[in-house]
Structure formats: structure tokens, C-alpha cells
Amino acid sequence: EDIALKMAKTKLDNLKEKKADAMISICPFCSVMYDSNQKTVEKNFETEYNLPVLYYTQALGLAMGIPSDELEFRRNRIKPKEMLFRRNRIKPKEMLQRFNEKYGEKTEKTEKVK
């Protein structure tokens, strides 16, 4: 497990350095390693990524114009909210409201989009 976490850290460090908005995966194991275990890597190596890991089908759906609330983002451990704001897939206020209704986050104001 230590080797797997170190390998995951290396990949996550590279993605962070490149300022990636998200990681796209077709492999179920990779999704587990990079999405579900990302917090473990952060804790063990005292770093922070907050990098959403999308399934290929979610990324394809976004590219095809499918509304983000139909793409099962509730299953992602690291929510792609900021990535969706940056990519202007949905207006920030509307996205925040829909995201909060769907996933239960309680935020009073819209964060400024970078």
C-alpha cells in the first residue's frame, strides 16, 4: 500500500504542477486510487490536491453538453464544482444552487470564479 500511495502522490504532484482541472479515468482501480484514496495521500504526505477524478463517461457527457447534474457527480469523492465553474459549463450562481440542492452543501454565497 505504501508503494501504491507513493506512486499516486507522484502522479498527483505532476497534475498539480501542471495545474490540471481534473483527472479523467477509464480504469475502476485508478478511480479508487486517485479519487477515493486522495485524502489518504494528502494526510500521509501532508499536502493538498483537491483534484476531481472524473470517469471518462462523465467527461464525455460534459463535452456533449449533458447537464452536469445528470452525470452522477455525487458519486465522486472530490466534487468537481470548481472545475465546472472555471469551464463555464453552468453559471456560477446557478451551479452553486443546483450543486447544494443535489449534494447537500450549505453555502450562503457564491465563490468568485477564477
C-alpha atoms as a PDB file:
ATOM      1  CA  GLU A   1       0.000   0.000   0.000  1.00  0.00           C
ATOM      2  CA  ASP A   2       2.842   2.416   0.768  1.00  0.00           C
ATOM      3  CA  ILE A   3       4.263   1.964  -2.732  1.00  0.00           C
ATOM      4  CA  ALA A   4       0.835   2.497  -4.299  1.00  0.00           C
ATOM      5  CA  LEU A   5       0.325   5.688  -2.287  1.00  0.00           C
ATOM      6  CA  LYS A   6       3.792   6.976  -3.274  1.00  0.00           C
ATOM      7  CA  MET A   7       3.017   6.289  -6.933  1.00  0.00           C
ATOM      8  CA  ALA A   8      -0.325   8.060  -6.595  1.00  0.00           C
ATOM      9  CA  LYS A   9       1.417  11.015  -4.928  1.00  0.00           C
ATOM     10  CA  THR A  10       3.873  11.289  -7.828  1.00  0.00           C
ATOM     11  CA  LYS A  11       1.043  11.402 -10.373  1.00  0.00           C
ATOM     12  CA  LEU A  12      -1.000  13.854  -8.273  1.00  0.00           C
ATOM     13  CA  ASP A  13       2.079  16.081  -7.802  1.00  0.00           C
ATOM     14  CA  ASN A  14       2.586  16.157 -11.583  1.00  0.00           C
ATOM     15  CA  LEU A  15      -1.051  17.045 -12.190  1.00  0.00           C
ATOM     16  CA  LYS A  16      -0.917  19.770  -9.539  1.00  0.00           C
ATOM     17  CA  GLU A  17       2.270  21.194 -11.077  1.00  0.00           C
ATOM     18  CA  LYS A  18       0.568  21.305 -14.485  1.00  0.00           C
ATOM     19  CA  LYS A  19      -2.476  22.993 -12.878  1.00  0.00           C
ATOM     20  CA  ALA A  20      -4.831  20.317 -14.168  1.00  0.00           C
ATOM     21  CA  ASP A  21      -8.523  20.955 -13.594  1.00  0.00           C
ATOM     22  CA  ALA A  22      -9.285  17.252 -13.240  1.00  0.00           C
ATOM     23  CA  MET A  23      -8.042  13.751 -13.904  1.00  0.00           C
ATOM     24  CA  ILE A  24     -10.001  11.555 -16.325  1.00  0.00           C
ATOM     25  CA  SER A  25     -10.039   7.813 -15.745  1.00  0.00           C
ATOM     26  CA  ILE A  26     -11.415   4.773 -17.546  1.00  0.00           C
ATOM     27  CA  CYS A  27      -9.973   2.337 -15.023  1.00  0.00           C
ATOM     28  CA  PRO A  28     -12.043   1.497 -11.907  1.00  0.00           C
ATOM     29  CA  PHE A  29      -8.878   0.851  -9.858  1.00  0.00           C
ATOM     30  CA  CYS A  30      -7.429   4.218 -10.872  1.00  0.00           C
ATOM     31  CA  SER A  31     -10.649   5.903  -9.841  1.00  0.00           C
ATOM     32  CA  VAL A  32     -10.405   4.273  -6.425  1.00  0.00           C
ATOM     33  CA  MET A  33      -6.730   5.150  -6.075  1.00  0.00           C
ATOM     34  CA  TYR A  34      -6.949   8.774  -7.177  1.00  0.00           C
ATOM     35  CA  ASP A  35     -10.457   9.738  -6.050  1.00  0.00           C
ATOM     36  CA  SER A  36     -11.242   7.598  -3.016  1.00  0.00           C
ATOM     37  CA  ASN A  37      -7.676   7.500  -1.670  1.00  0.00           C
ATOM     38  CA  GLN A  38      -6.692  11.090  -2.491  1.00  0.00           C
ATOM     39  CA  LYS A  39      -7.432  12.200   1.071  1.00  0.00           C
ATOM     40  CA  THR A  40      -5.239   9.362   2.398  1.00  0.00           C
ATOM     41  CA  VAL A  41      -2.359  10.534   0.189  1.00  0.00           C
ATOM     42  CA  GLU A  42      -2.898  14.113   1.385  1.00  0.00           C
ATOM     43  CA  LYS A  43      -2.863  13.036   5.018  1.00  0.00           C
ATOM     44  CA  ASN A  44       0.163  10.723   4.724  1.00  0.00           C
ATOM     45  CA  PHE A  45       2.280  13.237   2.790  1.00  0.00           C
ATOM     46  CA  GLU A  46       0.941  16.469   4.332  1.00  0.00           C
ATOM     47  CA  THR A  47      -0.163  18.027   1.061  1.00  0.00           C
ATOM     48  CA  GLU A  48      -3.401  19.064  -0.599  1.00  0.00           C
ATOM     49  CA  TYR A  49      -4.670  18.384  -4.117  1.00  0.00           C
ATOM     50  CA  ASN A  50      -8.470  18.688  -4.204  1.00  0.00           C
ATOM     51  CA  LEU A  51      -8.288  17.295  -7.749  1.00  0.00           C
ATOM     52  CA  PRO A  52     -11.533  15.843  -9.073  1.00  0.00           C
ATOM     53  CA  VAL A  53     -11.240  12.465 -10.766  1.00  0.00           C
ATOM     54  CA  LEU A  54     -13.886  12.062 -13.448  1.00  0.00           C
ATOM     55  CA  TYR A  55     -14.890   8.897 -15.176  1.00  0.00           C
ATOM     56  CA  TYR A  56     -14.379   9.088 -18.932  1.00  0.00           C
ATOM     57  CA  THR A  57     -18.143   8.914 -19.407  1.00  0.00           C
ATOM     58  CA  GLN A  58     -18.634  11.969 -17.175  1.00  0.00           C
ATOM     59  CA  ALA A  59     -16.087  13.972 -19.184  1.00  0.00           C
ATOM     60  CA  LEU A  60     -17.665  12.796 -22.435  1.00  0.00           C
ATOM     61  CA  GLY A  61     -21.090  13.797 -21.146  1.00  0.00           C
ATOM     62  CA  LEU A  62     -19.833  17.295 -20.318  1.00  0.00           C
ATOM     63  CA  ALA A  63     -18.293  17.595 -23.791  1.00  0.00           C
ATOM     64  CA  MET A  64     -21.607  16.525 -25.339  1.00  0.00           C
ATOM     65  CA  GLY A  65     -23.487  19.176 -23.380  1.00  0.00           C
ATOM     66  CA  ILE A  66     -25.289  16.873 -20.956  1.00  0.00           C
ATOM     67  CA  PRO A  67     -26.239  18.868 -17.843  1.00  0.00           C
ATOM     68  CA  SER A  68     -23.748  18.255 -15.061  1.00  0.00           C
ATOM     69  CA  ASP A  69     -26.450  17.288 -12.582  1.00  0.00           C
ATOM     70  CA  GLU A  70     -27.253  14.260 -14.762  1.00  0.00           C
ATOM     71  CA  LEU A  71     -23.674  12.943 -14.717  1.00  0.00           C
ATOM     72  CA  GLU A  72     -23.705  11.390 -11.216  1.00  0.00           C
ATOM     73  CA  PHE A  73     -21.065  13.688  -9.691  1.00  0.00           C
ATOM     74  CA  ARG A  74     -22.498  12.801  -6.287  1.00  0.00           C
ATOM     75  CA  ARG A  75     -20.542   9.541  -6.607  1.00  0.00           C
ATOM     76  CA  ASN A  76     -17.235  11.411  -6.869  1.00  0.00           C
ATOM     77  CA  ARG A  77     -15.471  11.863  -3.548  1.00  0.00           C
ATOM     78  CA  ILE A  78     -13.701  15.027  -4.727  1.00  0.00           C
ATOM     79  CA  LYS A  79     -16.510  17.131  -6.187  1.00  0.00           C
ATOM     80  CA  PRO A  80     -15.749  18.912  -9.495  1.00  0.00           C
ATOM     81  CA  LYS A  81     -17.599  22.101  -8.520  1.00  0.00           C
ATOM     82  CA  GLU A  82     -14.646  24.473  -9.061  1.00  0.00           C
ATOM     83  CA  MET A  83     -13.710  22.809 -12.348  1.00  0.00           C
ATOM     84  CA  LEU A  84     -17.245  23.301 -13.629  1.00  0.00           C
ATOM     85  CA  PHE A  85     -17.145  26.966 -12.594  1.00  0.00           C
ATOM     86  CA  ARG A  86     -13.832  27.518 -14.410  1.00  0.00           C
ATOM     87  CA  ARG A  87     -15.054  25.739 -17.512  1.00  0.00           C
ATOM     88  CA  ASN A  88     -18.237  27.846 -17.520  1.00  0.00           C
ATOM     89  CA  ARG A  89     -20.400  24.808 -18.071  1.00  0.00           C
ATOM     90  CA  ILE A  90     -23.007  26.424 -15.829  1.00  0.00           C
ATOM     91  CA  LYS A  91     -23.283  29.963 -14.495  1.00  0.00           C
ATOM     92  CA  PRO A  92     -21.664  30.091 -11.032  1.00  0.00           C
ATOM     93  CA  LYS A  93     -24.773  31.117  -9.064  1.00  0.00           C
ATOM     94  CA  GLU A  94     -26.953  28.567 -10.806  1.00  0.00           C
ATOM     95  CA  MET A  95     -24.312  25.868 -10.432  1.00  0.00           C
ATOM     96  CA  LEU A  96     -23.806  26.535  -6.736  1.00  0.00           C
ATOM     97  CA  GLN A  97     -27.532  26.427  -6.085  1.00  0.00           C
ATOM     98  CA  ARG A  98     -28.006  23.205  -8.072  1.00  0.00           C
ATOM     99  CA  PHE A  99     -24.906  21.634  -6.541  1.00  0.00           C
ATOM    100  CA  ASN A 100     -26.017  22.472  -2.995  1.00  0.00           C
ATOM    101  CA  GLU A 101     -29.521  21.153  -3.610  1.00  0.00           C
ATOM    102  CA  LYS A 102     -28.183  17.927  -5.075  1.00  0.00           C
ATOM    103  CA  TYR A 103     -25.277  17.211  -2.726  1.00  0.00           C
ATOM    104  CA  GLY A 104     -26.267  18.986   0.472  1.00  0.00           C
ATOM    105  CA  GLU A 105     -23.511  21.597   0.842  1.00  0.00           C
ATOM    106  CA  LYS A 106     -24.733  24.608   2.774  1.00  0.00           C
ATOM    107  CA  THR A 107     -23.076  27.709   1.334  1.00  0.00           C
ATOM    108  CA  GLU A 108     -24.673  31.145   1.532  1.00  0.00           C
ATOM    109  CA  LYS A 109     -22.706  32.952  -1.136  1.00  0.00           C
ATOM    110  CA  THR A 110     -21.167  32.145  -4.492  1.00  0.00           C
ATOM    111  CA  GLU A 111     -17.393  31.892  -4.521  1.00  0.00           C
ATOM    112  CA  LYS A 112     -15.600  34.066  -7.036  1.00  0.00           C
ATOM    113  CA  VAL A 113     -14.677  32.127 -10.167  1.00  0.00           C
ATOM    114  CA  LYS A 114     -11.000  32.243 -11.080  1.00  0.00           C
END
